[in-house]
Each structure stands twice: as structure tokens, then as C-alpha cells.
Protein backbone atom coordinates (compact mmCIF):
# COMPACT_ATOMS: atom_id res chain seq x y z
CA MET A 1 95.74 202.67 69.69
CA SER A 2 95.40 198.92 69.31
CA LEU A 3 95.49 196.84 72.51
CA LYS A 4 98.10 194.10 72.66
CA LEU A 5 97.15 191.30 75.05
CA LYS A 6 98.61 187.83 75.51
CA LEU A 7 98.22 184.51 77.36
CA ILE A 8 101.44 183.02 78.74
CA GLY A 9 101.73 179.42 79.88
CA TYR A 10 102.49 175.90 78.79
CA PRO A 11 100.87 174.04 77.12
CA ILE A 12 98.19 176.45 76.08
CA LYS A 13 97.25 175.64 72.39
CA HIS A 14 93.77 174.38 73.41
CA SER A 15 92.95 177.35 75.71
CA LEU A 16 89.56 179.05 75.23
CA SER A 17 91.03 182.43 76.47
CA PRO A 18 91.78 183.88 73.05
CA TRP A 19 88.09 183.29 71.97
CA ILE A 20 86.82 184.82 75.22
CA GLN A 21 89.03 187.93 75.15
CA SER A 22 88.59 188.45 71.45
CA THR A 23 84.87 188.32 72.00
CA PHE A 24 85.27 190.95 74.88
CA LEU A 25 87.24 193.19 72.40
CA GLU A 26 84.51 193.01 69.86
CA ARG A 27 81.70 193.57 72.22
CA SER A 28 83.39 196.67 73.78
CA GLY A 29 84.24 198.07 70.52
CA ILE A 30 88.00 198.06 71.23
CA GLU A 31 90.58 197.41 68.59
CA GLY A 32 93.07 194.87 69.63
CA SER A 33 94.55 191.28 69.64
CA TYR A 34 94.81 188.49 72.23
CA THR A 35 97.47 185.90 71.32
CA LEU A 36 99.12 182.88 72.77
CA HIS A 37 102.65 183.05 74.01
CA GLU A 38 103.86 179.52 75.02
CA ILE A 39 106.99 179.22 77.17
CA PRO A 40 107.99 175.54 77.13
CA SER A 41 110.50 175.74 80.09
CA LYS A 42 111.15 177.76 83.10
CA GLU A 43 114.90 177.96 82.03
CA ILE A 44 113.94 180.58 79.37
CA PHE A 45 111.29 182.31 81.30
CA GLY A 46 113.35 185.41 82.35
CA GLU A 47 114.49 185.89 78.69
CA GLU A 48 110.97 185.75 77.49
CA MET A 49 109.83 188.33 80.00
CA LYS A 50 112.65 190.64 78.74
CA LYS A 51 111.30 190.22 75.28
CA LEU A 52 107.66 191.05 76.46
CA ARG A 53 108.98 194.27 78.20
CA GLU A 54 110.50 195.26 75.01
CA ALA A 55 107.40 194.50 73.01
CA GLU A 56 105.45 196.92 75.06
CA ILE A 57 102.21 194.93 75.30
CA ASN A 58 99.37 196.36 77.37
CA GLY A 59 98.82 193.26 79.57
CA PHE A 60 98.64 189.55 79.67
CA ASN A 61 97.09 186.58 81.45
CA ILE A 62 99.48 183.98 82.96
CA THR A 63 98.46 180.37 83.65
CA VAL A 64 100.12 177.14 84.77
CA PRO A 65 102.91 176.58 85.39
CA TYR A 66 103.98 180.16 85.75
CA LYS A 67 101.41 181.87 88.11
CA GLU A 68 104.07 182.12 90.85
CA THR A 69 107.14 182.14 88.67
CA ILE A 70 106.03 185.64 87.31
CA ILE A 71 106.01 187.48 90.70
CA PRO A 72 109.75 188.45 90.88
CA TYR A 73 109.46 189.95 87.40
CA LEU A 74 106.60 192.31 88.42
CA ASP A 75 106.95 195.85 89.72
CA LYS A 76 103.89 195.59 92.11
CA ILE A 77 101.22 193.04 93.01
CA ASP A 78 97.80 193.93 94.47
CA ILE A 79 96.65 192.64 97.98
CA THR A 80 94.60 189.70 96.62
CA ALA A 81 97.41 188.35 94.55
CA GLU A 82 99.81 188.69 97.51
CA ARG A 83 97.44 186.76 99.85
CA VAL A 84 96.95 183.98 97.24
CA GLY A 85 100.61 183.96 96.30
CA ALA A 86 99.87 183.68 92.58
CA VAL A 87 99.12 186.04 89.77
CA ASN A 88 96.97 185.33 86.70
CA THR A 89 96.67 188.85 85.14
CA VAL A 90 99.33 191.53 84.49
CA SER A 91 98.55 195.05 83.50
CA LEU A 92 100.92 197.72 82.17
CA GLU A 93 100.18 200.80 84.38
CA GLY A 94 102.45 203.71 83.52
CA ASN A 95 105.67 201.90 82.84
CA LYS A 96 105.07 199.35 85.50
CA TRP A 97 103.91 195.73 85.39
CA VAL A 98 101.17 195.30 88.03
CA GLY A 99 100.03 191.73 89.02
CA TYR A 100 96.51 190.74 90.02
CA ASN A 101 94.68 187.50 90.70
CA THR A 102 91.15 187.36 89.34
CA ASP A 103 90.58 183.51 89.87
CA GLY A 104 88.79 183.83 93.23
CA ILE A 105 86.61 186.85 92.50
CA GLY A 106 85.80 185.39 89.11
CA TYR A 107 84.77 182.29 90.66
CA VAL A 108 82.54 183.95 93.31
CA GLN A 109 80.95 186.15 90.71
CA ALA A 110 80.10 183.05 88.54
CA LEU A 111 78.58 181.35 91.61
CA ARG A 112 76.47 184.42 92.55
CA ASP A 113 75.22 184.86 89.00
CA LYS A 114 74.03 181.26 88.89
CA PHE A 115 72.58 181.26 92.43
CA PRO A 116 71.47 184.82 93.53
CA ASP A 117 70.44 183.55 96.93
CA MET A 118 74.22 183.25 97.72
CA ASP A 119 74.18 187.05 97.88
CA LYS A 120 71.81 187.07 100.83
CA ASP A 121 73.48 184.74 103.17
CA ILE A 122 77.19 185.30 104.12
CA ASP A 123 76.77 182.73 106.86
CA VAL A 124 75.99 179.96 104.53
CA PRO A 125 78.15 176.86 105.30
CA ILE A 126 80.64 176.35 102.50
CA ILE A 127 83.30 173.59 102.18
CA ILE A 128 86.11 173.60 99.77
CA LEU A 129 87.60 170.29 98.69
CA GLY A 130 91.31 170.34 97.87
CA ALA A 131 94.11 172.51 98.90
CA GLY A 132 96.01 173.41 95.68
CA GLY A 133 96.41 176.79 93.91
CA ALA A 134 92.76 176.86 92.75
CA ALA A 135 91.55 176.29 96.38
CA ARG A 136 93.71 179.05 97.68
CA GLY A 137 92.28 181.53 95.07
CA ILE A 138 88.77 180.54 95.70
CA PHE A 139 89.12 180.54 99.42
CA HIS A 140 90.39 184.17 99.43
CA GLY A 141 87.81 185.17 96.92
CA LEU A 142 85.08 183.86 99.28
CA VAL A 143 86.73 185.62 102.26
CA GLN A 144 86.99 188.87 100.21
CA ALA A 145 83.28 188.56 99.35
CA GLY A 146 82.41 188.38 103.02
CA TYR A 147 81.60 184.68 103.58
CA LYS A 148 82.15 183.71 107.14
CA ASN A 149 81.41 180.04 107.56
CA LEU A 150 84.19 178.28 105.59
CA THR A 151 85.70 174.83 105.80
CA LEU A 152 88.60 173.45 103.94
CA ALA A 153 89.11 169.69 103.45
CA ASN A 154 92.16 167.86 102.19
CA ARG A 155 94.00 164.57 102.76
CA THR A 156 96.69 166.46 104.67
CA ARG A 157 95.54 169.22 107.02
CA SER A 158 98.71 171.19 106.97
CA LYS A 159 98.22 172.24 103.37
CA CYS A 160 94.72 173.61 104.37
CA GLU A 161 96.15 175.41 107.44
CA ASP A 162 98.63 177.23 105.24
CA ILE A 163 95.69 178.59 103.20
CA THR A 164 93.39 179.41 106.12
CA ASN A 165 96.14 180.94 108.32
CA GLY A 166 94.92 184.18 109.89
CA THR A 167 91.23 183.44 109.37
CA SER A 168 88.47 181.66 111.30
CA ALA A 169 88.01 178.93 108.70
CA SER A 170 87.83 175.31 109.85
CA VAL A 171 90.12 172.60 108.54
CA ILE A 172 89.11 168.89 108.29
CA THR A 173 90.18 165.70 106.42
CA LEU A 174 88.43 164.38 103.22
CA GLU A 175 87.38 161.42 105.26
CA GLU A 176 85.60 163.74 107.82
CA ALA A 177 84.15 165.84 104.94
CA GLU A 178 82.50 162.83 103.35
CA LYS A 179 81.05 161.73 106.75
CA ASN A 180 79.56 165.15 107.55
CA ILE A 181 78.83 166.45 104.09
CA ALA A 182 75.13 167.06 104.88
CA ALA A 183 76.24 169.89 107.14
CA TYR A 184 77.21 172.08 104.05
CA ASN A 185 74.90 173.99 101.80
CA VAL A 186 77.66 174.72 99.26
CA ILE A 187 80.36 172.14 98.12
CA ILE A 188 83.19 173.30 96.01
CA GLN A 189 85.50 170.71 94.35
CA THR A 190 88.87 172.44 93.46
CA SER A 191 91.25 169.52 92.66
CA SER A 192 92.03 167.90 89.25
CA VAL A 193 90.26 164.69 90.39
CA GLY A 194 87.70 163.79 87.76
CA MET A 195 89.42 165.45 84.77
CA ASN A 196 88.83 163.12 81.93
CA GLU A 197 88.29 160.21 84.35
CA ALA A 198 85.33 158.62 86.17
CA LYS A 199 86.65 159.41 89.61
CA GLN A 200 85.56 161.81 92.38
CA ILE A 201 87.30 163.25 95.43
CA ILE A 202 84.61 162.03 97.95
CA ASP A 203 81.29 160.35 97.85
CA LEU A 204 78.19 162.59 97.78
CA SER A 205 75.52 160.07 98.93
CA ASN A 206 74.71 161.98 102.01
CA ILE A 207 74.16 165.52 100.61
CA GLN A 208 71.11 167.45 101.38
CA GLU A 209 68.62 168.05 98.48
CA GLY A 210 69.13 171.55 97.16
CA THR A 211 72.83 171.75 98.01
CA ILE A 212 74.90 173.79 95.59
CA VAL A 213 77.64 171.55 94.23
CA SER A 214 80.44 173.07 92.11
CA ASP A 215 83.33 171.45 90.29
CA ILE A 216 86.09 173.54 88.69
CA VAL A 217 86.93 170.67 86.40
CA TYR A 218 85.18 171.14 83.09
CA GLN A 219 86.73 168.18 81.02
CA PRO A 220 84.18 166.52 80.93
CA LEU A 221 81.56 169.19 81.47
CA VAL A 222 79.55 166.90 83.75
CA THR A 223 82.03 165.14 85.92
CA GLN A 224 81.33 162.03 87.97
CA PHE A 225 81.27 164.32 91.05
CA LEU A 226 78.54 166.56 89.43
CA LYS A 227 76.66 163.55 88.04
CA GLN A 228 76.22 162.02 91.49
CA ALA A 229 75.26 165.36 92.99
CA GLY A 230 72.53 165.88 90.44
CA GLU A 231 71.21 162.44 91.24
CA LYS A 232 70.95 163.25 94.82
CA GLY A 233 69.15 166.50 94.14
CA GLY A 234 72.01 168.86 94.26
CA ARG A 235 71.98 172.24 92.35
CA ILE A 236 74.86 172.02 89.84
CA HIS A 237 77.45 174.56 89.05
CA TYR A 238 79.72 173.84 86.09
CA GLY A 239 83.53 174.73 86.29
CA HIS A 240 83.82 176.47 82.84
CA THR A 241 82.03 179.59 84.09
CA MET A 242 84.96 180.40 86.50
CA LEU A 243 87.14 180.86 83.34
CA LEU A 244 84.70 183.23 81.76
CA TYR A 245 84.21 185.42 84.80
CA GLN A 246 87.92 185.65 85.78
CA ALA A 247 88.56 186.65 82.14
CA GLN A 248 85.80 189.31 82.49
CA LYS A 249 87.53 190.76 85.56
CA ALA A 250 90.98 190.68 83.75
CA PHE A 251 89.46 192.57 80.87
CA GLU A 252 88.03 195.18 83.24
CA ILE A 253 91.55 195.68 84.67
CA TRP A 254 93.07 196.35 81.31
CA THR A 255 90.37 198.52 79.85
CA ASN A 256 88.12 199.81 82.66
CA LYS A 257 85.19 198.35 80.85
CA LYS A 258 82.94 195.56 82.29
CA VAL A 259 81.75 193.44 79.27
CA ASP A 260 78.45 191.69 79.19
CA VAL A 261 78.99 187.92 79.09
CA HIS A 262 75.40 187.11 78.01
CA GLY A 263 75.26 184.14 75.78
CA MET A 264 78.94 183.18 76.16
CA ASP A 265 78.18 180.51 78.61
CA GLU A 266 76.18 178.38 76.12
CA GLU A 267 78.91 179.01 73.40
CA MET A 268 81.58 177.80 75.71
CA ILE A 269 79.67 174.68 76.51
CA ALA A 270 79.44 174.00 72.70
CA LYS A 271 83.22 174.68 72.29
CA ILE A 272 83.99 172.36 75.27
CA LYS A 273 81.96 169.56 73.63
CA GLY A 274 83.72 170.11 70.37
CA GLU A 275 80.41 171.27 68.70
CA LYS A 276 81.80 174.65 67.52
């Protein structure tokens, strides 16, 4: 049987997900397709979900702006998606649509693969900058992975407190984060600041040499934030790898197969730069 998979969102025409998932299908020897399904407005979302049910697809990814919109249309969501309050992967299990969120665990896997020393120290001081959907997913991914020394920083504390509720994580402002940035061994930038613009969420002049600095923005690949981090001796983690590893986890949910992503990182960089 041929696997039928899709990506739902808007706009998604420039998404790398079809290339990633098609590569996974090829590498795993599974026959199937992964296609785009754009839904230009929330007004027709329910109608489109009805069509998808009738199409009997095996699963789909869901991206902005519908990661929360999808939830009432599902039969079940897993504990991680429930905590995050958003779904990015749906799998047909029996006759039921089951929702998952692989963003956080995908990000943590990408970070650990790049920096294996992260595996050994669950007490490493980590700060997450921003308090949007990506911050929520990454925060819960880190909690799930066992990291204990977490801080969230945002312009408004209340948005952070909503994410950290029920945990021992600290909450500070971005101003406080910038002032005390040397206290953190891992810095994770989760906002859209720096996307196709020479701006950064905080100044990194005071980071310690060897600090891991990650930016989920990958347009451009080297953001102003990462550029300054590199100049200050930081160890750089690029944002595009989160997409690759959350896709790997989604594929595993659909097929029970974990695909080797070896070599895809470099190919993704070439695609982002427009070289392929």
C-alpha cells in the first residue's frame, strides 16, 4: 500500500518538508507521497478537514497558522501536544486522527547530535529567549528530556509564566537576560527577530567563550545573533536542523521507522542558500 502524507498550512509553497519527507520515504524503501495542502483561510478549515477524512490519508504535518486550530478536529492528542497546546503531526491510527507535537523533541535531538556533551549534564544552565509557540515547544522538549536548570526570558513575564506553570523554571525579562547572559551555558533564540533582517533580540557581548548559542531562525542561515555569538567565541547551532529532526520524529510516528538523516544537513543548507 502506498503511503499518503501531506503538509497543511498557509503559505507553504516554499517549504522544505516535501523534500525532507520524500527523502525519508526513499531511504526507508517505502512507497508513498508527501504533498502540500494549502488552506488560505480559517473560514474553510473545517470543510478542508472533512475532505481530508474522506481522502483517507495516512497522516499529515500541520504548520502555521493552524497548529492550534487543528485540535478540535482530532480524536486524541498525546501528552506532549496537550502540554504545548499545539499539534504539528497527525497520524491515522485505526480510524482515529491522533495529534502529536514533535517540535520540542526534534529540537532537543538536533542540539544533542551537534553537541554530545549536552547528554551528560542535565543541570546545564539554559536560557530560552522569547515566549511564543516555538519557545513553548522547545521548553517542554527540554523538560521532557530531563533538563532542570531552565530560564525563560521575554519582554513580558506573564507570557513566560504561562509556559513555565507547574515547573521549577525561572522567568526574567530580556533586559535582565542581556545583563546576566554570562550565567548561561546554552542560549536558545526562539523568536522571529532576525528573520531576513539585521536585528537581534538581545546583545551577546558578555557571553562566555564556548557557550552554545542556537537560533531557530534560518533565513538567513547565519543571523546577526549567531554572527555576534561566533565573534565572541560561542559554539553555533543553526535553526534549520530543528526542521530536519522534528520531521524525522514525525516520519517515525507514521511508519515506525527511524530514518538516518546523514548528509541531509548539508543538502538543506545548500537549498536554503538557493544553491540546489
